[in-house]
């Protein structure tokens, strides 16, 4: 098993973002239930779920702000997607879990032992959302930092 500290450094490099608050980085890496199922894991029993809930909202806000600032209409054409279509295209759980798989984010997460080594899609999408929630808090709620990380993860 790779050293946890080294994996955290690699993840920060992948995101092109350095966390000032190391506790946020540790929290975002923790799958829900991992601290309950594994006594060696310390942390909230909900793992990264709180950050993921926040990150889901931040993702939507940043995407919709970009859409709004572009001046695109609310019309529903393939050349001019409305805000709802933008969210479906960039923020659905399927899209997020696919990006997580492509980025091999499963190697960074502290897994819940009940998953027997594999990481479910829902856990992967939650990790992506948790990353964005953690960046939001760590960056003092800076949408430009979140957008930068989203671009590094090819979410936008």
N, C-alpha and C. Protein backbone atom coordinates (compact mmCIF):
# COMPACT_ATOMS: atom_id res chain seq x y z
N UNK A 1 0.84 -1.18 0.00
CA UNK A 1 0.00 0.00 0.00
C UNK A 1 0.88 1.25 0.00
N UNK A 2 0.48 2.21 -0.81
CA UNK A 2 1.25 3.44 -0.91
C UNK A 2 1.07 4.27 0.35
N UNK A 3 2.06 5.08 0.62
CA UNK A 3 2.03 5.98 1.76
C UNK A 3 0.91 7.00 1.58
N UNK A 4 0.08 7.19 2.63
CA UNK A 4 -1.06 8.12 2.58
C UNK A 4 -0.62 9.54 2.22
N UNK A 5 0.48 10.00 2.86
CA UNK A 5 0.97 11.36 2.61
C UNK A 5 1.36 11.54 1.15
N UNK A 6 1.99 10.52 0.57
CA UNK A 6 2.39 10.60 -0.84
C UNK A 6 1.16 10.65 -1.75
N UNK A 7 0.15 9.86 -1.42
CA UNK A 7 -1.08 9.89 -2.21
C UNK A 7 -1.76 11.26 -2.14
N UNK A 8 -1.74 11.87 -0.98
CA UNK A 8 -2.34 13.20 -0.82
C UNK A 8 -1.60 14.23 -1.66
N UNK A 9 -0.27 14.14 -1.69
CA UNK A 9 0.54 15.04 -2.52
C UNK A 9 0.21 14.82 -4.00
N UNK A 10 0.08 13.56 -4.40
CA UNK A 10 -0.26 13.25 -5.80
C UNK A 10 -1.63 13.81 -6.17
N UNK A 11 -2.59 13.69 -5.25
CA UNK A 11 -3.93 14.21 -5.53
C UNK A 11 -3.89 15.73 -5.67
N UNK A 12 -3.18 16.39 -4.79
CA UNK A 12 -3.07 17.85 -4.89
C UNK A 12 -2.43 18.24 -6.23
N UNK A 13 -1.46 17.48 -6.66
CA UNK A 13 -0.81 17.73 -7.95
C UNK A 13 -1.81 17.53 -9.10
N UNK A 14 -2.58 16.46 -9.03
CA UNK A 14 -3.59 16.18 -10.04
C UNK A 14 -4.60 17.32 -10.14
N UNK A 15 -4.98 17.86 -8.99
CA UNK A 15 -5.97 18.93 -8.94
C UNK A 15 -5.37 20.31 -9.21
N UNK A 16 -4.03 20.38 -9.15
CA UNK A 16 -3.32 21.65 -9.22
C UNK A 16 -3.85 22.61 -8.15
N UNK A 17 -4.00 22.05 -6.95
CA UNK A 17 -4.49 22.84 -5.82
C UNK A 17 -3.85 22.29 -4.55
N UNK A 18 -3.31 23.20 -3.73
CA UNK A 18 -2.72 22.80 -2.46
C UNK A 18 -3.65 23.24 -1.34
N UNK A 19 -4.03 22.28 -0.51
CA UNK A 19 -4.94 22.57 0.61
C UNK A 19 -4.18 23.20 1.76
N UNK A 20 -4.67 24.35 2.20
CA UNK A 20 -4.12 25.01 3.39
C UNK A 20 -4.56 24.26 4.64
N UNK A 21 -5.81 23.79 4.61
CA UNK A 21 -6.38 23.05 5.74
C UNK A 21 -6.31 21.56 5.43
N UNK A 22 -5.32 20.91 6.01
CA UNK A 22 -5.09 19.49 5.74
C UNK A 22 -6.28 18.63 6.20
N UNK A 23 -7.01 19.09 7.20
CA UNK A 23 -8.18 18.34 7.67
C UNK A 23 -9.24 18.20 6.59
N UNK A 24 -9.39 19.23 5.77
CA UNK A 24 -10.36 19.15 4.66
C UNK A 24 -9.93 18.09 3.65
N UNK A 25 -8.65 18.04 3.37
CA UNK A 25 -8.12 17.02 2.45
C UNK A 25 -8.38 15.63 3.00
N UNK A 26 -8.12 15.43 4.28
CA UNK A 26 -8.37 14.12 4.88
C UNK A 26 -9.85 13.77 4.86
N UNK A 27 -10.70 14.75 5.13
CA UNK A 27 -12.14 14.48 5.14
C UNK A 27 -12.66 14.12 3.76
N UNK A 28 -12.21 14.82 2.73
CA UNK A 28 -12.72 14.55 1.39
C UNK A 28 -12.31 13.16 0.90
N UNK A 29 -11.24 12.62 1.44
CA UNK A 29 -10.76 11.30 1.02
C UNK A 29 -11.49 10.14 1.68
N UNK A 30 -12.28 10.45 2.68
CA UNK A 30 -12.87 9.38 3.49
C UNK A 30 -14.27 9.00 3.00
N UNK A 31 -14.41 7.77 2.52
CA UNK A 31 -15.72 7.26 2.10
C UNK A 31 -16.63 7.13 3.31
N UNK A 32 -17.90 7.35 3.09
CA UNK A 32 -18.87 7.21 4.17
C UNK A 32 -18.80 5.81 4.76
N UNK A 33 -18.82 5.74 6.07
CA UNK A 33 -18.81 4.46 6.77
C UNK A 33 -17.44 3.85 6.98
N UNK A 34 -16.39 4.42 6.38
CA UNK A 34 -15.07 3.80 6.50
C UNK A 34 -14.57 3.84 7.94
N UNK A 35 -14.90 4.88 8.69
CA UNK A 35 -14.43 4.96 10.08
C UNK A 35 -15.22 4.03 10.99
N UNK A 36 -16.42 3.66 10.59
CA UNK A 36 -17.23 2.74 11.37
C UNK A 36 -16.80 1.31 11.11
N UNK A 37 -16.50 1.01 9.85
CA UNK A 37 -16.16 -0.35 9.44
C UNK A 37 -14.71 -0.73 9.70
N UNK A 38 -13.85 0.26 9.87
CA UNK A 38 -12.42 0.00 10.05
C UNK A 38 -11.91 0.81 11.24
N UNK A 39 -11.59 0.14 12.36
CA UNK A 39 -11.15 0.87 13.55
C UNK A 39 -9.84 1.64 13.35
N UNK A 40 -9.09 1.33 12.32
CA UNK A 40 -7.84 2.05 12.05
C UNK A 40 -8.10 3.41 11.41
N UNK A 41 -9.33 3.62 10.92
CA UNK A 41 -9.68 4.88 10.26
C UNK A 41 -10.37 5.78 11.27
N UNK A 42 -9.86 6.98 11.39
CA UNK A 42 -10.42 7.96 12.32
C UNK A 42 -11.14 9.04 11.52
N UNK A 43 -12.28 9.46 12.03
CA UNK A 43 -13.02 10.53 11.36
C UNK A 43 -14.51 10.33 11.53
N UNK A 44 -15.24 11.25 10.97
CA UNK A 44 -16.69 11.23 11.05
C UNK A 44 -17.24 10.00 10.35
N UNK A 45 -18.26 9.40 10.91
CA UNK A 45 -18.83 8.18 10.32
C UNK A 45 -19.47 8.45 8.96
N UNK A 46 -19.79 9.71 8.69
CA UNK A 46 -20.37 10.07 7.40
C UNK A 46 -19.30 10.33 6.34
N UNK A 47 -18.05 10.27 6.75
CA UNK A 47 -16.95 10.46 5.80
C UNK A 47 -17.04 11.80 5.09
N UNK A 48 -16.99 11.76 3.76
CA UNK A 48 -16.98 12.99 2.97
C UNK A 48 -18.37 13.46 2.55
N UNK A 49 -19.41 12.88 3.09
CA UNK A 49 -20.78 13.18 2.66
C UNK A 49 -21.16 14.64 2.86
N UNK A 50 -20.75 15.25 3.97
CA UNK A 50 -21.08 16.66 4.19
C UNK A 50 -20.40 17.55 3.15
N UNK A 51 -19.12 17.27 2.89
CA UNK A 51 -18.41 18.02 1.85
C UNK A 51 -19.03 17.77 0.48
N UNK A 52 -19.47 16.55 0.24
CA UNK A 52 -20.07 16.21 -1.06
C UNK A 52 -21.38 16.98 -1.26
N UNK A 53 -22.17 17.10 -0.22
CA UNK A 53 -23.43 17.84 -0.33
C UNK A 53 -23.15 19.31 -0.66
N UNK A 54 -22.19 19.88 0.02
CA UNK A 54 -21.78 21.25 -0.26
C UNK A 54 -21.21 21.35 -1.68
N UNK A 55 -20.34 20.41 -2.03
CA UNK A 55 -19.72 20.42 -3.35
C UNK A 55 -20.71 20.29 -4.48
N UNK A 56 -21.78 19.54 -4.28
CA UNK A 56 -22.83 19.41 -5.28
C UNK A 56 -23.43 20.78 -5.57
N UNK A 57 -23.70 21.53 -4.52
CA UNK A 57 -24.26 22.87 -4.68
C UNK A 57 -23.26 23.83 -5.31
N UNK A 58 -22.01 23.75 -4.89
CA UNK A 58 -20.96 24.61 -5.44
C UNK A 58 -20.77 24.31 -6.93
N UNK A 59 -20.75 23.05 -7.30
CA UNK A 59 -20.62 22.66 -8.71
C UNK A 59 -21.73 23.28 -9.54
N UNK A 60 -22.96 23.14 -9.08
CA UNK A 60 -24.09 23.72 -9.80
C UNK A 60 -23.98 25.23 -9.89
N UNK A 61 -23.62 25.87 -8.80
CA UNK A 61 -23.50 27.33 -8.77
C UNK A 61 -22.43 27.82 -9.74
N UNK A 62 -21.27 27.20 -9.72
CA UNK A 62 -20.17 27.62 -10.59
C UNK A 62 -20.54 27.40 -12.06
N UNK A 63 -21.14 26.25 -12.37
CA UNK A 63 -21.55 25.99 -13.75
C UNK A 63 -22.60 26.99 -14.22
N UNK A 64 -23.60 27.23 -13.38
CA UNK A 64 -24.66 28.16 -13.78
C UNK A 64 -24.17 29.60 -13.85
N UNK A 65 -23.23 29.95 -13.01
CA UNK A 65 -22.65 31.28 -13.10
C UNK A 65 -21.92 31.45 -14.44
N UNK A 66 -21.17 30.43 -14.85
CA UNK A 66 -20.48 30.48 -16.15
C UNK A 66 -21.49 30.60 -17.28
N UNK A 67 -22.57 29.82 -17.19
CA UNK A 67 -23.62 29.87 -18.19
C UNK A 67 -24.26 31.26 -18.22
N UNK A 68 -24.59 31.81 -17.07
CA UNK A 68 -25.22 33.12 -16.98
C UNK A 68 -24.30 34.20 -17.56
N UNK A 69 -23.04 34.17 -17.16
CA UNK A 69 -22.08 35.17 -17.62
C UNK A 69 -21.85 35.09 -19.14
N UNK A 70 -22.09 33.93 -19.74
CA UNK A 70 -21.90 33.77 -21.18
C UNK A 70 -22.99 34.50 -21.97
N UNK A 71 -24.08 34.83 -21.29
CA UNK A 71 -25.18 35.53 -21.95
C UNK A 71 -26.07 34.62 -22.77
N UNK A 72 -25.88 33.32 -22.68
CA UNK A 72 -26.71 32.39 -23.44
C UNK A 72 -28.16 32.50 -22.98
N UNK A 73 -29.04 32.29 -23.92
CA UNK A 73 -30.46 32.40 -23.60
C UNK A 73 -30.92 31.15 -22.86
N UNK A 74 -32.17 31.17 -22.49
CA UNK A 74 -32.75 30.00 -21.82
C UNK A 74 -33.36 29.04 -22.83
N UNK A 75 -33.14 29.31 -24.13
CA UNK A 75 -33.63 28.43 -25.18
C UNK A 75 -32.97 27.07 -25.12
N UNK A 76 -33.66 26.06 -25.62
CA UNK A 76 -33.17 24.68 -25.52
C UNK A 76 -32.77 24.16 -26.89
N UNK A 77 -31.68 24.65 -27.42
CA UNK A 77 -31.17 24.10 -28.67
C UNK A 77 -29.83 23.43 -28.39
N UNK A 78 -29.42 22.53 -29.26
CA UNK A 78 -28.16 21.81 -29.03
C UNK A 78 -26.97 22.76 -29.10
N UNK A 79 -27.10 23.86 -29.86
CA UNK A 79 -26.01 24.83 -29.97
C UNK A 79 -26.01 25.82 -28.81
N UNK A 80 -27.10 25.89 -28.10
CA UNK A 80 -27.25 26.88 -27.04
C UNK A 80 -27.97 26.24 -25.86
N UNK A 81 -27.26 25.40 -25.10
CA UNK A 81 -27.92 24.67 -24.03
C UNK A 81 -28.40 25.58 -22.91
N UNK A 82 -29.54 25.25 -22.35
CA UNK A 82 -30.00 26.01 -21.20
C UNK A 82 -29.28 25.52 -19.95
N UNK A 83 -29.51 26.18 -18.84
CA UNK A 83 -28.83 25.84 -17.60
C UNK A 83 -29.09 24.42 -17.13
N UNK A 84 -30.33 23.95 -17.31
CA UNK A 84 -30.64 22.58 -16.89
C UNK A 84 -29.87 21.54 -17.69
N UNK A 85 -29.77 21.76 -18.99
CA UNK A 85 -29.03 20.83 -19.83
C UNK A 85 -27.54 20.86 -19.47
N UNK A 86 -27.04 22.07 -19.16
CA UNK A 86 -25.64 22.21 -18.75
C UNK A 86 -25.36 21.37 -17.50
N UNK A 87 -26.28 21.43 -16.53
CA UNK A 87 -26.10 20.64 -15.32
C UNK A 87 -26.15 19.14 -15.60
N UNK A 88 -27.06 18.72 -16.47
CA UNK A 88 -27.14 17.30 -16.81
C UNK A 88 -25.88 16.83 -17.52
N UNK A 89 -25.31 17.71 -18.34
CA UNK A 89 -24.13 17.36 -19.12
C UNK A 89 -22.86 17.32 -18.27
N UNK A 90 -22.78 18.19 -17.26
CA UNK A 90 -21.54 18.34 -16.51
C UNK A 90 -21.62 17.93 -15.04
N UNK A 91 -22.81 17.80 -14.48
CA UNK A 91 -22.90 17.62 -13.03
C UNK A 91 -23.70 16.40 -12.58
N UNK A 92 -24.11 15.55 -13.50
CA UNK A 92 -24.85 14.36 -13.07
C UNK A 92 -23.91 13.38 -12.37
N UNK A 93 -24.48 12.54 -11.53
CA UNK A 93 -23.66 11.55 -10.83
C UNK A 93 -22.94 10.61 -11.80
N UNK A 94 -23.59 10.29 -12.92
CA UNK A 94 -22.94 9.42 -13.91
C UNK A 94 -21.72 10.09 -14.50
N UNK A 95 -21.84 11.36 -14.83
CA UNK A 95 -20.71 12.11 -15.39
C UNK A 95 -19.58 12.21 -14.36
N UNK A 96 -19.94 12.53 -13.13
CA UNK A 96 -18.93 12.69 -12.08
C UNK A 96 -18.21 11.37 -11.78
N UNK A 97 -18.95 10.28 -11.71
CA UNK A 97 -18.29 9.00 -11.43
C UNK A 97 -17.42 8.57 -12.61
N UNK A 98 -17.85 8.87 -13.83
CA UNK A 98 -17.02 8.55 -15.00
C UNK A 98 -15.72 9.34 -14.98
N UNK A 99 -15.80 10.62 -14.64
CA UNK A 99 -14.58 11.43 -14.54
C UNK A 99 -13.69 10.89 -13.44
N UNK A 100 -14.28 10.50 -12.32
CA UNK A 100 -13.50 9.95 -11.21
C UNK A 100 -12.77 8.68 -11.64
N UNK A 101 -13.44 7.84 -12.41
CA UNK A 101 -12.81 6.62 -12.92
C UNK A 101 -11.67 6.95 -13.87
N UNK A 102 -11.90 7.89 -14.78
CA UNK A 102 -10.86 8.28 -15.73
C UNK A 102 -9.64 8.86 -15.02
N UNK A 103 -9.88 9.60 -13.95
CA UNK A 103 -8.79 10.20 -13.18
C UNK A 103 -8.19 9.23 -12.15
N UNK A 104 -8.78 8.04 -12.05
CA UNK A 104 -8.34 7.01 -11.10
C UNK A 104 -8.37 7.53 -9.66
N UNK A 105 -9.44 8.26 -9.33
CA UNK A 105 -9.57 8.81 -7.99
C UNK A 105 -9.79 7.73 -6.93
N UNK A 106 -10.21 6.55 -7.36
CA UNK A 106 -10.44 5.47 -6.40
C UNK A 106 -9.16 5.09 -5.64
N UNK A 107 -8.01 5.38 -6.22
CA UNK A 107 -6.76 5.03 -5.53
C UNK A 107 -6.47 5.94 -4.35
N UNK A 108 -7.14 7.10 -4.29
CA UNK A 108 -6.89 8.06 -3.22
C UNK A 108 -7.87 7.93 -2.05
N UNK A 109 -9.05 7.38 -2.32
CA UNK A 109 -10.10 7.36 -1.31
C UNK A 109 -9.81 6.32 -0.23
N UNK A 110 -10.17 6.66 0.99
CA UNK A 110 -10.10 5.70 2.09
C UNK A 110 -11.40 4.92 2.02
N UNK A 111 -11.29 3.70 1.56
CA UNK A 111 -12.45 2.90 1.22
C UNK A 111 -13.16 2.34 2.45
N UNK A 112 -14.43 2.11 2.26
CA UNK A 112 -15.22 1.40 3.25
C UNK A 112 -14.98 -0.09 3.01
N UNK A 113 -14.49 -0.83 4.01
CA UNK A 113 -14.17 -2.25 3.82
C UNK A 113 -15.33 -3.11 3.33
N UNK A 114 -16.57 -2.67 3.58
CA UNK A 114 -17.71 -3.47 3.13
C UNK A 114 -17.83 -3.48 1.60
N UNK A 115 -17.11 -2.60 0.93
CA UNK A 115 -17.14 -2.58 -0.54
C UNK A 115 -16.15 -3.58 -1.15
N UNK A 116 -15.42 -4.28 -0.31
CA UNK A 116 -14.51 -5.35 -0.75
C UNK A 116 -13.55 -4.90 -1.85
N UNK A 117 -12.95 -3.74 -1.66
CA UNK A 117 -11.92 -3.28 -2.58
C UNK A 117 -12.39 -2.42 -3.73
N UNK A 118 -13.61 -2.66 -4.19
CA UNK A 118 -14.10 -1.84 -5.29
C UNK A 118 -14.81 -0.60 -4.72
N UNK A 119 -14.84 0.45 -5.51
CA UNK A 119 -15.49 1.69 -5.06
C UNK A 119 -16.74 1.90 -5.91
N UNK A 120 -17.92 1.93 -5.28
CA UNK A 120 -19.16 2.12 -6.03
C UNK A 120 -19.20 3.49 -6.73
N UNK A 121 -19.99 3.56 -7.80
CA UNK A 121 -20.11 4.81 -8.55
C UNK A 121 -20.56 5.97 -7.67
N UNK A 122 -21.50 5.71 -6.77
CA UNK A 122 -22.00 6.77 -5.89
C UNK A 122 -20.90 7.33 -5.00
N UNK A 123 -20.01 6.46 -4.54
CA UNK A 123 -18.89 6.91 -3.72
C UNK A 123 -17.91 7.74 -4.54
N UNK A 124 -17.72 7.35 -5.80
CA UNK A 124 -16.82 8.11 -6.68
C UNK A 124 -17.39 9.50 -6.99
N UNK A 125 -18.68 9.56 -7.30
CA UNK A 125 -19.27 10.87 -7.59
C UNK A 125 -19.27 11.74 -6.34
N UNK A 126 -19.49 11.13 -5.18
CA UNK A 126 -19.43 11.88 -3.92
C UNK A 126 -18.03 12.43 -3.67
N UNK A 127 -17.02 11.67 -4.06
CA UNK A 127 -15.65 12.15 -3.86
C UNK A 127 -15.38 13.38 -4.72
N UNK A 128 -15.85 13.37 -5.97
CA UNK A 128 -15.66 14.54 -6.84
C UNK A 128 -16.36 15.75 -6.23
N UNK A 129 -17.58 15.56 -5.77
CA UNK A 129 -18.31 16.65 -5.13
C UNK A 129 -17.60 17.10 -3.86
N UNK A 130 -17.08 16.16 -3.09
CA UNK A 130 -16.37 16.50 -1.85
C UNK A 130 -15.11 17.31 -2.14
N UNK A 131 -14.42 16.98 -3.23
CA UNK A 131 -13.24 17.75 -3.62
C UNK A 131 -13.63 19.20 -3.84
N UNK A 132 -14.71 19.42 -4.59
CA UNK A 132 -15.15 20.78 -4.89
C UNK A 132 -15.62 21.50 -3.64
N UNK A 133 -16.31 20.79 -2.75
CA UNK A 133 -16.73 21.40 -1.48
C UNK A 133 -15.54 21.78 -0.62
N UNK A 134 -14.54 20.93 -0.59
CA UNK A 134 -13.34 21.20 0.20
C UNK A 134 -12.55 22.38 -0.38
N UNK A 135 -12.45 22.45 -1.70
CA UNK A 135 -11.76 23.57 -2.33
C UNK A 135 -12.51 24.87 -2.04
N UNK A 136 -13.84 24.81 -2.09
CA UNK A 136 -14.67 25.98 -1.80
C UNK A 136 -14.36 26.53 -0.41
N UNK A 137 -14.35 25.65 0.57
CA UNK A 137 -14.08 26.09 1.95
C UNK A 137 -12.63 26.53 2.10
N UNK A 138 -11.71 25.72 1.60
CA UNK A 138 -10.28 25.99 1.77
C UNK A 138 -9.86 27.29 1.09
N UNK A 139 -10.49 27.60 -0.03
CA UNK A 139 -10.14 28.80 -0.80
C UNK A 139 -10.89 30.04 -0.31
N UNK A 140 -11.55 29.92 0.82
CA UNK A 140 -12.35 31.04 1.37
C UNK A 140 -13.48 31.40 0.41
N UNK A 141 -14.11 30.36 -0.13
CA UNK A 141 -15.28 30.49 -1.00
C UNK A 141 -15.00 31.25 -2.30
N UNK A 142 -13.89 30.88 -2.92
CA UNK A 142 -13.46 31.52 -4.15
C UNK A 142 -13.91 30.69 -5.35
N UNK A 143 -14.92 31.16 -6.10
CA UNK A 143 -15.41 30.38 -7.24
C UNK A 143 -14.36 30.18 -8.33
N UNK A 144 -13.42 31.11 -8.45
CA UNK A 144 -12.37 30.96 -9.46
C UNK A 144 -11.46 29.77 -9.16
N UNK A 145 -11.18 29.55 -7.88
CA UNK A 145 -10.38 28.37 -7.49
C UNK A 145 -11.13 27.08 -7.78
N UNK A 146 -12.42 27.09 -7.49
CA UNK A 146 -13.24 25.89 -7.77
C UNK A 146 -13.28 25.64 -9.27
N UNK A 147 -13.48 26.69 -10.05
CA UNK A 147 -13.51 26.53 -11.51
C UNK A 147 -12.18 26.01 -12.02
N UNK A 148 -11.09 26.49 -11.46
CA UNK A 148 -9.76 26.00 -11.86
C UNK A 148 -9.65 24.49 -11.62
N UNK A 149 -10.07 24.03 -10.45
CA UNK A 149 -10.01 22.60 -10.14
C UNK A 149 -10.96 21.82 -11.05
N UNK A 150 -12.12 22.39 -11.32
CA UNK A 150 -13.06 21.73 -12.24
C UNK A 150 -12.42 21.55 -13.61
N UNK A 151 -11.71 22.56 -14.08
CA UNK A 151 -11.04 22.45 -15.38
C UNK A 151 -9.91 21.43 -15.33
N UNK A 152 -9.18 21.38 -14.23
CA UNK A 152 -8.11 20.39 -14.09
C UNK A 152 -8.69 18.97 -14.13
N UNK A 153 -9.89 18.81 -13.59
CA UNK A 153 -10.55 17.50 -13.58
C UNK A 153 -11.37 17.27 -14.86
N UNK A 154 -11.33 18.25 -15.75
CA UNK A 154 -12.06 18.20 -17.01
C UNK A 154 -13.57 18.04 -16.79
N UNK A 155 -14.06 18.77 -15.79
CA UNK A 155 -15.49 18.80 -15.52
C UNK A 155 -16.16 19.95 -16.27
N UNK A 156 -15.33 20.86 -16.79
CA UNK A 156 -15.87 22.01 -17.52
C UNK A 156 -14.87 22.45 -18.56
